[in-house]
All heavy atoms as atom14 arrays in JSON, in Angstrom:
{
  "sequence": "APYIQIVTHTVRITEYNFVELLQDADIICEAFDDAEQKSMLANGV",
  "atom14_mask": [
    [1, 1, 1, 1, 1, 0, 0, 0, 0, 0, 0, 0, 0, 0],
    [1, 1, 1, 1, 1, 1, 1, 0, 0, 0, 0, 0, 0, 0],
    [1, 1, 1, 1, 1, 1, 1, 1, 1, 1, 1, 1, 0, 0],
    [1, 1, 1, 1, 1, 1, 1, 1, 0, 0, 0, 0, 0, 0],
    [1, 1, 1, 1, 1, 1, 1, 1, 1, 0, 0, 0, 0, 0],
    [1, 1, 1, 1, 1, 1, 1, 1, 0, 0, 0, 0, 0, 0],
    [1, 1, 1, 1, 1, 1, 1, 0, 0, 0, 0, 0, 0, 0],
    [1, 1, 1, 1, 1, 1, 1, 0, 0, 0, 0, 0, 0, 0],
    [1, 1, 1, 1, 1, 1, 1, 1, 1, 1, 0, 0, 0, 0],
    [1, 1, 1, 1, 1, 1, 1, 0, 0, 0, 0, 0, 0, 0],
    [1, 1, 1, 1, 1, 1, 1, 0, 0, 0, 0, 0, 0, 0],
    [1, 1, 1, 1, 1, 1, 1, 1, 1, 1, 1, 0, 0, 0],
    [1, 1, 1, 1, 1, 1, 1, 1, 0, 0, 0, 0, 0, 0],
    [1, 1, 1, 1, 1, 1, 1, 0, 0, 0, 0, 0, 0, 0],
    [1, 1, 1, 1, 1, 1, 1, 1, 1, 0, 0, 0, 0, 0],
    [1, 1, 1, 1, 1, 1, 1, 1, 1, 1, 1, 1, 0, 0],
    [1, 1, 1, 1, 1, 1, 1, 1, 0, 0, 0, 0, 0, 0],
    [1, 1, 1, 1, 1, 1, 1, 1, 1, 1, 1, 0, 0, 0],
    [1, 1, 1, 1, 1, 1, 1, 0, 0, 0, 0, 0, 0, 0],
    [1, 1, 1, 1, 1, 1, 1, 1, 1, 0, 0, 0, 0, 0],
    [1, 1, 1, 1, 1, 1, 1, 1, 0, 0, 0, 0, 0, 0],
    [1, 1, 1, 1, 1, 1, 1, 1, 0, 0, 0, 0, 0, 0],
    [1, 1, 1, 1, 1, 1, 1, 1, 1, 0, 0, 0, 0, 0],
    [1, 1, 1, 1, 1, 1, 1, 1, 0, 0, 0, 0, 0, 0],
    [1, 1, 1, 1, 1, 0, 0, 0, 0, 0, 0, 0, 0, 0],
    [1, 1, 1, 1, 1, 1, 1, 1, 0, 0, 0, 0, 0, 0],
    [1, 1, 1, 1, 1, 1, 1, 1, 0, 0, 0, 0, 0, 0],
    [1, 1, 1, 1, 1, 1, 1, 1, 0, 0, 0, 0, 0, 0],
    [1, 1, 1, 1, 1, 1, 0, 0, 0, 0, 0, 0, 0, 0],
    [1, 1, 1, 1, 1, 1, 1, 1, 1, 0, 0, 0, 0, 0],
    [1, 1, 1, 1, 1, 0, 0, 0, 0, 0, 0, 0, 0, 0],
    [1, 1, 1, 1, 1, 1, 1, 1, 1, 1, 1, 0, 0, 0],
    [1, 1, 1, 1, 1, 1, 1, 1, 0, 0, 0, 0, 0, 0],
    [1, 1, 1, 1, 1, 1, 1, 1, 0, 0, 0, 0, 0, 0],
    [1, 1, 1, 1, 1, 0, 0, 0, 0, 0, 0, 0, 0, 0],
    [1, 1, 1, 1, 1, 1, 1, 1, 1, 0, 0, 0, 0, 0],
    [1, 1, 1, 1, 1, 1, 1, 1, 1, 0, 0, 0, 0, 0],
    [1, 1, 1, 1, 1, 1, 1, 1, 1, 0, 0, 0, 0, 0],
    [1, 1, 1, 1, 1, 1, 0, 0, 0, 0, 0, 0, 0, 0],
    [1, 1, 1, 1, 1, 1, 1, 1, 0, 0, 0, 0, 0, 0],
    [1, 1, 1, 1, 1, 1, 1, 1, 0, 0, 0, 0, 0, 0],
    [1, 1, 1, 1, 1, 0, 0, 0, 0, 0, 0, 0, 0, 0],
    [1, 1, 1, 1, 1, 1, 1, 1, 0, 0, 0, 0, 0, 0],
    [1, 1, 1, 1, 0, 0, 0, 0, 0, 0, 0, 0, 0, 0],
    [1, 1, 1, 1, 1, 1, 1, 0, 0, 0, 0, 0, 0, 0]
  ],
  "atom14_positions": [
    [[-10.28, -8.62, -17.0], [-10.22, -9.78, -16.11], [-11.49, -9.78, -15.24], [-11.45, -9.38, -14.08], [-8.96, -9.74, -15.25], [0.0, 0.0, 0.0], [0.0, 0.0, 0.0], [0.0, 0.0, 0.0], [0.0, 0.0, 0.0], [0.0, 0.0, 0.0], [0.0, 0.0, 0.0], [0.0, 0.0, 0.0], [0.0, 0.0, 0.0], [0.0, 0.0, 0.0]],
    [[-12.6, -10.21, -15.79], [-13.89, -10.03, -15.12], [-14.05, -10.76, -13.8], [-14.93, -10.42, -13.01], [-14.9, -10.54, -16.16], [-14.12, -11.41, -17.08], [-12.75, -10.82, -17.13], [0.0, 0.0, 0.0], [0.0, 0.0, 0.0], [0.0, 0.0, 0.0], [0.0, 0.0, 0.0], [0.0, 0.0, 0.0], [0.0, 0.0, 0.0], [0.0, 0.0, 0.0]],
    [[-13.2, -11.76, -13.54], [-13.38, -12.54, -12.31], [-12.34, -12.22, -11.24], [-12.29, -12.88, -10.2], [-13.36, -14.04, -12.65], [-14.46, -14.38, -13.63], [-14.14, -14.72, -14.96], [-15.79, -14.34, -13.26], [-15.14, -14.99, -15.88], [-16.8, -14.61, -14.18], [-16.47, -14.94, -15.48], [-17.48, -15.2, -16.38], [0.0, 0.0, 0.0], [0.0, 0.0, 0.0]],
    [[-11.53, -11.23, -11.46], [-10.55, -10.83, -10.46], [-11.27, -10.18, -9.27], [-12.28, -9.5, -9.42], [-9.52, -9.86, -11.06], [-8.33, -9.66, -10.12], [-10.16, -8.53, -11.42], [-7.19, -8.88, -10.75], [0.0, 0.0, 0.0], [0.0, 0.0, 0.0], [0.0, 0.0, 0.0], [0.0, 0.0, 0.0], [0.0, 0.0, 0.0], [0.0, 0.0, 0.0]],
    [[-10.75, -10.43, -8.07], [-11.28, -9.76, -6.88], [-10.48, -8.47, -6.66], [-9.25, -8.51, -6.63], [-11.13, -10.64, -5.66], [-11.92, -11.94, -5.71], [-11.7, -12.77, -4.45], [-11.79, -12.26, -3.34], [-11.4, -14.04, -4.63], [0.0, 0.0, 0.0], [0.0, 0.0, 0.0], [0.0, 0.0, 0.0], [0.0, 0.0, 0.0], [0.0, 0.0, 0.0]],
    [[-11.17, -7.38, -6.5], [-10.52, -6.09, -6.32], [-11.04, -5.43, -5.05], [-12.26, -5.31, -4.86], [-10.75, -5.16, -7.53], [-10.14, -5.77, -8.8], [-10.18, -3.78, -7.26], [-10.41, -4.97, -10.06], [0.0, 0.0, 0.0], [0.0, 0.0, 0.0], [0.0, 0.0, 0.0], [0.0, 0.0, 0.0], [0.0, 0.0, 0.0], [0.0, 0.0, 0.0]],
    [[-10.11, -5.02, -4.2], [-10.45, -4.25, -3.0], [-9.8, -2.88, -3.17], [-8.6, -2.79, -3.44], [-9.92, -4.93, -1.72], [-10.23, -4.08, -0.5], [-10.52, -6.33, -1.58], [0.0, 0.0, 0.0], [0.0, 0.0, 0.0], [0.0, 0.0, 0.0], [0.0, 0.0, 0.0], [0.0, 0.0, 0.0], [0.0, 0.0, 0.0], [0.0, 0.0, 0.0]],
    [[-10.58, -1.82, -3.03], [-10.05, -0.47, -3.21], [-10.04, 0.29, -1.9], [-10.94, 0.16, -1.07], [-10.87, 0.32, -4.25], [-12.22, 0.42, -3.81], [-10.83, -0.38, -5.61], [0.0, 0.0, 0.0], [0.0, 0.0, 0.0], [0.0, 0.0, 0.0], [0.0, 0.0, 0.0], [0.0, 0.0, 0.0], [0.0, 0.0, 0.0], [0.0, 0.0, 0.0]],
    [[-9.0, 1.11, -1.75], [-8.89, 2.01, -0.6], [-8.52, 3.39, -1.14], [-7.39, 3.6, -1.58], [-7.81, 1.53, 0.37], [-8.1, 0.2, 1.0], [-9.04, 0.04, 1.99], [-7.57, -1.04, 0.76], [-9.08, -1.23, 2.36], [-8.22, -1.9, 1.62], [0.0, 0.0, 0.0], [0.0, 0.0, 0.0], [0.0, 0.0, 0.0], [0.0, 0.0, 0.0]],
    [[-9.47, 4.3, -1.12], [-9.23, 5.64, -1.64], [-8.73, 6.52, -0.49], [-9.46, 7.36, 0.06], [-10.5, 6.21, -2.28], [-11.01, 5.26, -3.22], [-10.21, 7.52, -3.0], [0.0, 0.0, 0.0], [0.0, 0.0, 0.0], [0.0, 0.0, 0.0], [0.0, 0.0, 0.0], [0.0, 0.0, 0.0], [0.0, 0.0, 0.0], [0.0, 0.0, 0.0]],
    [[-7.5, 6.28, -0.11], [-6.87, 6.99, 1.01], [-5.39, 7.19, 0.7], [-4.81, 6.51, -0.14], [-7.0, 6.21, 2.34], [-8.45, 6.06, 2.75], [-6.32, 4.85, 2.23], [0.0, 0.0, 0.0], [0.0, 0.0, 0.0], [0.0, 0.0, 0.0], [0.0, 0.0, 0.0], [0.0, 0.0, 0.0], [0.0, 0.0, 0.0], [0.0, 0.0, 0.0]],
    [[-4.79, 8.12, 1.4], [-3.34, 8.29, 1.32], [-2.69, 7.32, 2.32], [-3.09, 7.27, 3.5], [-2.94, 9.72, 1.67], [-1.42, 9.96, 1.61], [-1.07, 11.35, 2.11], [-1.55, 12.39, 1.21], [-0.87, 12.82, 0.15], [0.32, 12.31, -0.14], [-1.38, 13.77, -0.62], [0.0, 0.0, 0.0], [0.0, 0.0, 0.0], [0.0, 0.0, 0.0]],
    [[-1.73, 6.55, 1.88], [-1.03, 5.64, 2.78], [-0.07, 6.44, 3.65], [0.73, 7.24, 3.16], [-0.25, 4.58, 1.99], [-1.21, 3.73, 1.16], [0.54, 3.68, 2.94], [-0.53, 2.64, 0.35], [0.0, 0.0, 0.0], [0.0, 0.0, 0.0], [0.0, 0.0, 0.0], [0.0, 0.0, 0.0], [0.0, 0.0, 0.0], [0.0, 0.0, 0.0]],
    [[-0.16, 6.22, 4.96], [0.7, 6.92, 5.9], [1.33, 5.92, 6.85], [1.0, 4.73, 6.85], [-0.1, 7.94, 6.73], [-0.96, 7.23, 7.64], [-0.94, 8.85, 5.83], [0.0, 0.0, 0.0], [0.0, 0.0, 0.0], [0.0, 0.0, 0.0], [0.0, 0.0, 0.0], [0.0, 0.0, 0.0], [0.0, 0.0, 0.0], [0.0, 0.0, 0.0]],
    [[2.22, 6.41, 7.68], [2.85, 5.56, 8.69], [1.85, 5.06, 9.73], [2.13, 4.12, 10.47], [3.97, 6.32, 9.39], [3.5, 7.59, 10.11], [4.64, 8.38, 10.72], [5.44, 7.77, 11.46], [4.73, 9.58, 10.45], [0.0, 0.0, 0.0], [0.0, 0.0, 0.0], [0.0, 0.0, 0.0], [0.0, 0.0, 0.0], [0.0, 0.0, 0.0]],
    [[0.67, 5.66, 9.75], [-0.34, 5.3, 10.74], [-1.34, 4.26, 10.23], [-2.01, 3.61, 11.04], [-1.1, 6.54, 11.22], [-0.18, 7.62, 11.75], [0.05, 8.78, 11.01], [0.48, 7.45, 12.96], [0.9, 9.77, 11.5], [1.34, 8.43, 13.45], [1.55, 9.58, 12.71], [2.41, 10.55, 13.19], [0.0, 0.0, 0.0], [0.0, 0.0, 0.0]],
    [[-1.48, 4.13, 8.92], [-2.51, 3.21, 8.4], [-1.98, 2.1, 7.52], [-2.75, 1.22, 7.11], [-3.6, 3.99, 7.65], [-3.09, 4.67, 6.38], [-1.98, 4.43, 5.92], [-3.91, 5.54, 5.81], [0.0, 0.0, 0.0], [0.0, 0.0, 0.0], [0.0, 0.0, 0.0], [0.0, 0.0, 0.0], [0.0, 0.0, 0.0], [0.0, 0.0, 0.0]],
    [[-0.68, 2.08, 7.19], [-0.2, 1.12, 6.21], [-0.32, -0.32, 6.69], [-0.57, -1.24, 5.9], [1.24, 1.43, 5.78], [2.31, 1.03, 6.75], [2.88, -0.23, 6.71], [2.74, 1.91, 7.73], [3.86, -0.6, 7.62], [3.7, 1.55, 8.64], [4.27, 0.29, 8.59], [0.0, 0.0, 0.0], [0.0, 0.0, 0.0], [0.0, 0.0, 0.0]],
    [[-0.15, -0.56, 7.98], [-0.24, -1.93, 8.49], [-1.64, -2.48, 8.28], [-1.82, -3.6, 7.77], [0.15, -1.99, 9.98], [-0.14, -3.39, 10.55], [1.62, -1.66, 10.16], [0.0, 0.0, 0.0], [0.0, 0.0, 0.0], [0.0, 0.0, 0.0], [0.0, 0.0, 0.0], [0.0, 0.0, 0.0], [0.0, 0.0, 0.0], [0.0, 0.0, 0.0]],
    [[-2.65, -1.71, 8.64], [-4.02, -2.15, 8.47], [-4.37, -2.35, 7.0], [-5.05, -3.32, 6.63], [-4.97, -1.11, 9.07], [-6.45, -1.49, 8.97], [-7.37, -0.45, 9.57], [-6.87, 0.58, 10.08], [-8.6, -0.66, 9.54], [0.0, 0.0, 0.0], [0.0, 0.0, 0.0], [0.0, 0.0, 0.0], [0.0, 0.0, 0.0], [0.0, 0.0, 0.0]],
    [[-3.89, -1.46, 6.14], [-4.21, -1.55, 4.71], [-3.55, -2.74, 4.03], [-4.11, -3.32, 3.1], [-3.78, -0.26, 4.0], [-4.56, 1.01, 4.34], [-3.86, 2.22, 3.74], [-5.99, 0.91, 3.84], [0.0, 0.0, 0.0], [0.0, 0.0, 0.0], [0.0, 0.0, 0.0], [0.0, 0.0, 0.0], [0.0, 0.0, 0.0], [0.0, 0.0, 0.0]],
    [[-2.36, -3.11, 4.49], [-1.54, -4.08, 3.76], [-1.42, -5.44, 4.43], [-0.78, -6.34, 3.89], [-0.13, -3.51, 3.56], [-0.06, -2.17, 2.83], [1.38, -1.66, 2.8], [-0.61, -2.3, 1.41], [0.0, 0.0, 0.0], [0.0, 0.0, 0.0], [0.0, 0.0, 0.0], [0.0, 0.0, 0.0], [0.0, 0.0, 0.0], [0.0, 0.0, 0.0]],
    [[-2.05, -5.62, 5.57], [-1.83, -6.84, 6.33], [-2.33, -8.1, 5.62], [-1.84, -9.21, 5.89], [-2.5, -6.73, 7.7], [-4.0, -6.51, 7.68], [-4.56, -6.24, 9.07], [-3.86, -6.38, 10.06], [-5.83, -5.86, 9.15], [0.0, 0.0, 0.0], [0.0, 0.0, 0.0], [0.0, 0.0, 0.0], [0.0, 0.0, 0.0], [0.0, 0.0, 0.0]],
    [[-3.27, -7.97, 4.69], [-3.8, -9.15, 3.99], [-3.02, -9.49, 2.72], [-3.31, -10.51, 2.08], [-5.27, -8.93, 3.62], [-6.18, -8.87, 4.84], [-5.8, -9.45, 5.88], [-7.25, -8.25, 4.76], [0.0, 0.0, 0.0], [0.0, 0.0, 0.0], [0.0, 0.0, 0.0], [0.0, 0.0, 0.0], [0.0, 0.0, 0.0], [0.0, 0.0, 0.0]],
    [[-2.06, -8.67, 2.35], [-1.32, -8.89, 1.11], [-0.21, -9.91, 1.29], [0.43, -9.98, 2.34], [-0.73, -7.58, 0.6], [0.0, 0.0, 0.0], [0.0, 0.0, 0.0], [0.0, 0.0, 0.0], [0.0, 0.0, 0.0], [0.0, 0.0, 0.0], [0.0, 0.0, 0.0], [0.0, 0.0, 0.0], [0.0, 0.0, 0.0], [0.0, 0.0, 0.0]],
    [[0.02, -10.71, 0.25], [1.18, -11.6, 0.22], [2.41, -10.84, -0.27], [3.52, -11.04, 0.22], [0.91, -12.79, -0.71], [-0.31, -13.59, -0.3], [-0.35, -14.02, 0.87], [-1.22, -13.77, -1.12], [0.0, 0.0, 0.0], [0.0, 0.0, 0.0], [0.0, 0.0, 0.0], [0.0, 0.0, 0.0], [0.0, 0.0, 0.0], [0.0, 0.0, 0.0]],
    [[2.18, -9.97, -1.25], [3.26, -9.19, -1.87], [2.78, -7.75, -1.99], [1.63, -7.49, -2.35], [3.63, -9.75, -3.26], [4.06, -11.21, -3.15], [4.74, -8.92, -3.9], [4.27, -11.9, -4.49], [0.0, 0.0, 0.0], [0.0, 0.0, 0.0], [0.0, 0.0, 0.0], [0.0, 0.0, 0.0], [0.0, 0.0, 0.0], [0.0, 0.0, 0.0]],
    [[3.69, -6.82, -1.7], [3.37, -5.39, -1.74], [4.21, -4.71, -2.81], [5.44, -4.85, -2.82], [3.64, -4.74, -0.38], [2.78, -5.38, 0.71], [3.42, -3.22, -0.43], [3.25, -5.08, 2.12], [0.0, 0.0, 0.0], [0.0, 0.0, 0.0], [0.0, 0.0, 0.0], [0.0, 0.0, 0.0], [0.0, 0.0, 0.0], [0.0, 0.0, 0.0]],
    [[3.56, -3.99, -3.72], [4.27, -3.23, -4.74], [4.21, -1.74, -4.38], [3.13, -1.17, -4.26], [3.63, -3.44, -6.12], [3.83, -5.09, -6.78], [0.0, 0.0, 0.0], [0.0, 0.0, 0.0], [0.0, 0.0, 0.0], [0.0, 0.0, 0.0], [0.0, 0.0, 0.0], [0.0, 0.0, 0.0], [0.0, 0.0, 0.0], [0.0, 0.0, 0.0]],
    [[5.37, -1.15, -4.22], [5.47, 0.3, -3.98], [5.53, 0.99, -5.33], [6.41, 0.7, -6.14], [6.72, 0.6, -3.16], [6.99, 2.08, -2.92], [7.72, 2.73, -4.07], [8.8, 2.22, -4.44], [7.22, 3.75, -4.59], [0.0, 0.0, 0.0], [0.0, 0.0, 0.0], [0.0, 0.0, 0.0], [0.0, 0.0, 0.0], [0.0, 0.0, 0.0]],
    [[4.59, 1.9, -5.57], [4.51, 2.56, -6.88], [4.24, 4.05, -6.73], [3.44, 4.64, -7.46], [3.43, 1.89, -7.73], [0.0, 0.0, 0.0], [0.0, 0.0, 0.0], [0.0, 0.0, 0.0], [0.0, 0.0, 0.0], [0.0, 0.0, 0.0], [0.0, 0.0, 0.0], [0.0, 0.0, 0.0], [0.0, 0.0, 0.0], [0.0, 0.0, 0.0]],
    [[4.91, 4.67, -5.77], [4.74, 6.1, -5.52], [5.65, 6.95, -6.4], [6.69, 6.49, -6.85], [5.05, 6.43, -4.05], [4.1, 5.83, -3.05], [4.58, 5.23, -1.9], [2.74, 5.88, -3.25], [3.71, 4.69, -0.96], [1.85, 5.35, -2.33], [2.34, 4.75, -1.18], [0.0, 0.0, 0.0], [0.0, 0.0, 0.0], [0.0, 0.0, 0.0]],
    [[5.28, 8.21, -6.58], [6.13, 9.18, -7.25], [7.02, 9.92, -6.24], [8.13, 10.33, -6.58], [5.28, 10.23, -7.99], [4.5, 9.63, -9.15], [4.99, 8.65, -9.74], [3.41, 10.14, -9.44], [0.0, 0.0, 0.0], [0.0, 0.0, 0.0], [0.0, 0.0, 0.0], [0.0, 0.0, 0.0], [0.0, 0.0, 0.0], [0.0, 0.0, 0.0]],
    [[6.53, 10.08, -5.04], [7.2, 10.89, -4.03], [8.25, 10.09, -3.26], [7.97, 9.0, -2.73], [6.15, 11.44, -3.06], [6.75, 12.36, -2.01], [7.07, 13.51, -2.35], [6.92, 11.9, -0.86], [0.0, 0.0, 0.0], [0.0, 0.0, 0.0], [0.0, 0.0, 0.0], [0.0, 0.0, 0.0], [0.0, 0.0, 0.0], [0.0, 0.0, 0.0]],
    [[9.47, 10.63, -3.16], [10.57, 9.94, -2.51], [10.31, 9.69, -1.03], [10.67, 8.63, -0.49], [11.87, 10.73, -2.7], [0.0, 0.0, 0.0], [0.0, 0.0, 0.0], [0.0, 0.0, 0.0], [0.0, 0.0, 0.0], [0.0, 0.0, 0.0], [0.0, 0.0, 0.0], [0.0, 0.0, 0.0], [0.0, 0.0, 0.0], [0.0, 0.0, 0.0]],
    [[9.68, 10.66, -0.37], [9.41, 10.5, 1.06], [8.4, 9.38, 1.31], [8.54, 8.6, 2.27], [8.9, 11.81, 1.66], [9.98, 12.89, 1.77], [9.49, 14.12, 2.51], [8.36, 14.08, 3.05], [10.23, 15.11, 2.56], [0.0, 0.0, 0.0], [0.0, 0.0, 0.0], [0.0, 0.0, 0.0], [0.0, 0.0, 0.0], [0.0, 0.0, 0.0]],
    [[7.39, 9.28, 0.45], [6.42, 8.21, 0.59], [7.06, 6.85, 0.32], [6.76, 5.86, 1.0], [5.23, 8.42, -0.35], [4.12, 9.29, 0.22], [2.84, 9.15, -0.58], [2.81, 9.46, -1.77], [1.79, 8.68, 0.07], [0.0, 0.0, 0.0], [0.0, 0.0, 0.0], [0.0, 0.0, 0.0], [0.0, 0.0, 0.0], [0.0, 0.0, 0.0]],
    [[7.94, 6.81, -0.66], [8.65, 5.57, -0.96], [9.44, 5.1, 0.26], [9.37, 3.93, 0.66], [9.62, 5.78, -2.14], [8.98, 5.89, -3.51], [10.04, 6.19, -4.55], [9.48, 6.21, -5.96], [9.14, 4.86, -6.44], [0.0, 0.0, 0.0], [0.0, 0.0, 0.0], [0.0, 0.0, 0.0], [0.0, 0.0, 0.0], [0.0, 0.0, 0.0]],
    [[10.16, 6.02, 0.85], [10.98, 5.7, 2.01], [10.13, 5.27, 3.2], [10.44, 4.3, 3.89], [11.84, 6.9, 2.38], [12.62, 6.64, 3.53], [0.0, 0.0, 0.0], [0.0, 0.0, 0.0], [0.0, 0.0, 0.0], [0.0, 0.0, 0.0], [0.0, 0.0, 0.0], [0.0, 0.0, 0.0], [0.0, 0.0, 0.0], [0.0, 0.0, 0.0]],
    [[9.04, 6.0, 3.42], [8.14, 5.67, 4.53], [7.6, 4.27, 4.41], [7.61, 3.48, 5.36], [6.99, 6.68, 4.57], [5.92, 6.43, 5.64], [4.63, 5.21, 5.16], [3.88, 6.07, 3.76], [0.0, 0.0, 0.0], [0.0, 0.0, 0.0], [0.0, 0.0, 0.0], [0.0, 0.0, 0.0], [0.0, 0.0, 0.0], [0.0, 0.0, 0.0]],
    [[7.13, 3.92, 3.21], [6.53, 2.6, 3.01], [7.57, 1.5, 3.13], [7.34, 0.48, 3.8], [5.84, 2.52, 1.66], [5.06, 1.22, 1.42], [3.89, 1.11, 2.39], [4.57, 1.13, -0.01], [0.0, 0.0, 0.0], [0.0, 0.0, 0.0], [0.0, 0.0, 0.0], [0.0, 0.0, 0.0], [0.0, 0.0, 0.0], [0.0, 0.0, 0.0]],
    [[8.72, 1.69, 2.49], [9.77, 0.66, 2.54], [10.22, 0.42, 3.97], [10.3, -0.73, 4.42], [10.95, 1.08, 1.67], [0.0, 0.0, 0.0], [0.0, 0.0, 0.0], [0.0, 0.0, 0.0], [0.0, 0.0, 0.0], [0.0, 0.0, 0.0], [0.0, 0.0, 0.0], [0.0, 0.0, 0.0], [0.0, 0.0, 0.0], [0.0, 0.0, 0.0]],
    [[10.51, 1.48, 4.7], [10.96, 1.32, 6.08], [9.88, 0.69, 6.95], [10.16, -0.18, 7.79], [11.36, 2.68, 6.66], [12.62, 3.24, 6.02], [13.45, 2.48, 5.52], [12.76, 4.55, 6.04], [0.0, 0.0, 0.0], [0.0, 0.0, 0.0], [0.0, 0.0, 0.0], [0.0, 0.0, 0.0], [0.0, 0.0, 0.0], [0.0, 0.0, 0.0]],
    [[8.63, 1.11, 6.72], [7.54, 0.57, 7.52], [7.29, -0.9, 7.28], [7.11, -1.68, 8.22], [0.0, 0.0, 0.0], [0.0, 0.0, 0.0], [0.0, 0.0, 0.0], [0.0, 0.0, 0.0], [0.0, 0.0, 0.0], [0.0, 0.0, 0.0], [0.0, 0.0, 0.0], [0.0, 0.0, 0.0], [0.0, 0.0, 0.0], [0.0, 0.0, 0.0]],
    [[7.29, -1.29, 6.01], [7.06, -2.7, 5.67], [8.18, -3.57, 6.2], [7.95, -4.64, 6.78], [6.89, -2.88, 4.14], [6.89, -4.36, 3.78], [5.61, -2.22, 3.67], [0.0, 0.0, 0.0], [0.0, 0.0, 0.0], [0.0, 0.0, 0.0], [0.0, 0.0, 0.0], [0.0, 0.0, 0.0], [0.0, 0.0, 0.0], [0.0, 0.0, 0.0]]
  ]
}
């Protein structure tokens, strides 16, 4: 898809940075392996 816009963030998502990282998204897909990260993101969002 050569014309897609891609923004990358090579960081671990935490309770301290998820708002800043995700504030521009219309839809957020949680795709973690770790249960604690899943819970953190879901509760935070």
